[in-house]
Amino acid sequence: MLATDLDTRFLDTLQLPNVEARRHNIESDPLPKDAFDLIHLRLVLVHLLSRDIVLESLVGSLRPGGWLLVEEFDSMSMPADPEANPAETLLRTDVVFREVMISRGLDLRYGRKLASHFERIGLVDVDAEGRVPLWRGGRYGGMLMRANFEQLREEILATGRITEQEFERDLARLDGEDFVRPSSVMWAAWGRREKFLTRQGAY
């Protein structure tokens, strides 16, 4: 199995005999053609401006009959809504965070669009499903949101749409047990590269 990333330090520590870790830029470094029975990506394409080009190039790296499985968030379709569920917490920082991400060229609905993209690039047997667990303060969901906010702290504050005091207040709320919101929709889409055709038929 081949595992690739821009930073392989965590992969290198696995030291598994059946795993090769390779430093690789998916936007610029080629992958072997017709090489893989399965290619899996998780939360990669949404961050790439050339995401559609990369997705199409991955099909060429599949063996005929091979499968592509991609998991990406749709962060726009299910925001926190206290009117629907009074327990849900809507943070001002989260609203501005998504605005900053869109200004960077990210498509925050990309997960929802995966199945249609798969069909456009010629994959067959395409299907998809979405999952929406609850994110709670002090647990995985709250920690993920905190990491995202802190990573873009300067850009969020530079918008002038939120004060530093509001930003810090929202960070603190992410640690509280009373913080609840539905996660972004995690879409998983899969499709298969068609087998080649010969005079004898498909194989």
Foldseek 3Di string as FASTA:
>chain_A
DEAEECDCPVVVVVPDPVYDYDYDDLVPDADDFLADQEDEEEADLLQDLCSLVSVLRVLRRHHAFHKYKYKHFQQPPFWFDCVVPVLADHAPLVVLLVVLSVVVVGRSRVLVCVQVSCVVSPFPPKDKDKDKDKQFAQDDNLVVVLVSCVVCVVVSVVVVSDHPVSSVVVNVRSNDRSHIGIGGIIMMMMTTHHADADPVGGD
